[in-house]
């Protein structure tokens, strides 16, 4: 079903924790959930994120481009 709808599942891998650790050091904010989410995205080769809370991902511009839909 997912394949027929062209839906891709993203999941953490063993590399995600390494990226997460790097993001914790780079981030200007200490929001652990957002940093882990960003780590999963980058680990799955996703480098664009649309969110209303762009400030939550400040400091990660080298790895993730954050866009506000508004």
C-alpha atoms as a PDB file:
ATOM      1  CA  UNK A   1       0.000   0.000   0.000  1.00  0.00           C
ATOM      2  CA  UNK A   2       2.727   2.472   0.932  1.00  0.00           C
ATOM      3  CA  UNK A   3       4.658   1.727  -2.237  1.00  0.00           C
ATOM      4  CA  UNK A   4       1.609   2.192  -4.432  1.00  0.00           C
ATOM      5  CA  UNK A   5       0.928   5.593  -2.824  1.00  0.00           C
ATOM      6  CA  UNK A   6       4.601   6.598  -3.160  1.00  0.00           C
ATOM      7  CA  UNK A   7       4.953   7.000   0.612  1.00  0.00           C
ATOM      8  CA  UNK A   8       8.391   6.540   2.132  1.00  0.00           C
ATOM      9  CA  UNK A   9       8.902   5.644   5.774  1.00  0.00           C
ATOM     10  CA  UNK A  10      11.840   7.195   7.535  1.00  0.00           C
ATOM     11  CA  UNK A  11      13.307   5.544  10.596  1.00  0.00           C
ATOM     12  CA  UNK A  12      16.278   6.064  12.877  1.00  0.00           C
ATOM     13  CA  UNK A  13      19.363   3.964  12.248  1.00  0.00           C
ATOM     14  CA  UNK A  14      22.589   3.343  14.106  1.00  0.00           C
ATOM     15  CA  UNK A  15      24.003   6.522  12.518  1.00  0.00           C
ATOM     16  CA  UNK A  16      21.167   8.700  13.852  1.00  0.00           C
ATOM     17  CA  UNK A  17      22.659   8.898  17.357  1.00  0.00           C
ATOM     18  CA  UNK A  18      25.969  10.176  15.970  1.00  0.00           C
ATOM     19  CA  UNK A  19      24.157  12.897  14.031  1.00  0.00           C
ATOM     20  CA  UNK A  20      22.023  13.671  17.100  1.00  0.00           C
ATOM     21  CA  UNK A  21      25.125  14.110  19.245  1.00  0.00           C
ATOM     22  CA  UNK A  22      26.609  16.491  16.680  1.00  0.00           C
ATOM     23  CA  UNK A  23      23.344  18.469  16.494  1.00  0.00           C
ATOM     24  CA  UNK A  24      23.199  18.796  20.289  1.00  0.00           C
ATOM     25  CA  UNK A  25      26.608  20.459  20.183  1.00  0.00           C
ATOM     26  CA  UNK A  26      25.709  22.723  17.229  1.00  0.00           C
ATOM     27  CA  UNK A  27      22.219  23.805  18.270  1.00  0.00           C
ATOM     28  CA  UNK A  28      21.439  27.147  19.836  1.00  0.00           C
ATOM     29  CA  UNK A  29      18.408  25.569  21.525  1.00  0.00           C
ATOM     30  CA  UNK A  30      18.206  22.576  23.778  1.00  0.00           C
ATOM     31  CA  UNK A  31      15.000  20.983  22.494  1.00  0.00           C
ATOM     32  CA  UNK A  32      15.913  17.304  22.484  1.00  0.00           C
ATOM     33  CA  UNK A  33      12.858  16.106  20.507  1.00  0.00           C
ATOM     34  CA  UNK A  34      13.374  18.603  17.663  1.00  0.00           C
ATOM     35  CA  UNK A  35      17.068  17.774  17.466  1.00  0.00           C
ATOM     36  CA  UNK A  36      16.347  14.047  17.337  1.00  0.00           C
ATOM     37  CA  UNK A  37      13.708  14.613  14.646  1.00  0.00           C
ATOM     38  CA  UNK A  38      16.204  16.652  12.606  1.00  0.00           C
ATOM     39  CA  UNK A  39      18.773  13.876  13.054  1.00  0.00           C
ATOM     40  CA  UNK A  40      16.373  11.292  11.656  1.00  0.00           C
ATOM     41  CA  UNK A  41      15.619  13.533   8.662  1.00  0.00           C
ATOM     42  CA  UNK A  42      19.278  14.106   7.818  1.00  0.00           C
ATOM     43  CA  UNK A  43      20.105  10.430   8.360  1.00  0.00           C
ATOM     44  CA  UNK A  44      17.430   9.609   5.749  1.00  0.00           C
ATOM     45  CA  UNK A  45      18.903  12.156   3.314  1.00  0.00           C
ATOM     46  CA  UNK A  46      16.119  14.706   3.829  1.00  0.00           C
ATOM     47  CA  UNK A  47      17.553  18.204   4.065  1.00  0.00           C
ATOM     48  CA  UNK A  48      14.448  20.416   3.829  1.00  0.00           C
ATOM     49  CA  UNK A  49      11.906  20.925   6.585  1.00  0.00           C
ATOM     50  CA  UNK A  50       8.727  23.008   6.561  1.00  0.00           C
ATOM     51  CA  UNK A  51       7.660  24.146  10.041  1.00  0.00           C
ATOM     52  CA  UNK A  52       6.112  27.086  11.864  1.00  0.00           C
ATOM     53  CA  UNK A  53       8.872  26.834  14.487  1.00  0.00           C
ATOM     54  CA  UNK A  54      11.947  27.636  12.433  1.00  0.00           C
ATOM     55  CA  UNK A  55      13.738  28.982  15.507  1.00  0.00           C
ATOM     56  CA  UNK A  56      13.722  25.492  17.031  1.00  0.00           C
ATOM     57  CA  UNK A  57      16.210  24.389  14.381  1.00  0.00           C
ATOM     58  CA  UNK A  58      18.581  27.370  14.586  1.00  0.00           C
ATOM     59  CA  UNK A  59      22.211  26.385  14.334  1.00  0.00           C
ATOM     60  CA  UNK A  60      21.589  23.414  12.053  1.00  0.00           C
ATOM     61  CA  UNK A  61      21.688  25.388   8.791  1.00  0.00           C
ATOM     62  CA  UNK A  62      24.758  23.497   7.605  1.00  0.00           C
ATOM     63  CA  UNK A  63      22.754  20.258   7.446  1.00  0.00           C
ATOM     64  CA  UNK A  64      19.098  21.248   7.248  1.00  0.00           C
ATOM     65  CA  UNK A  65      17.260  23.990   5.374  1.00  0.00           C
ATOM     66  CA  UNK A  66      14.243  25.090   7.389  1.00  0.00           C
ATOM     67  CA  UNK A  67      11.336  26.837   5.671  1.00  0.00           C
ATOM     68  CA  UNK A  68       8.302  28.535   7.142  1.00  0.00           C
ATOM     69  CA  UNK A  69       5.114  27.917   5.128  1.00  0.00           C
ATOM     70  CA  UNK A  70       3.854  31.403   6.013  1.00  0.00           C
END
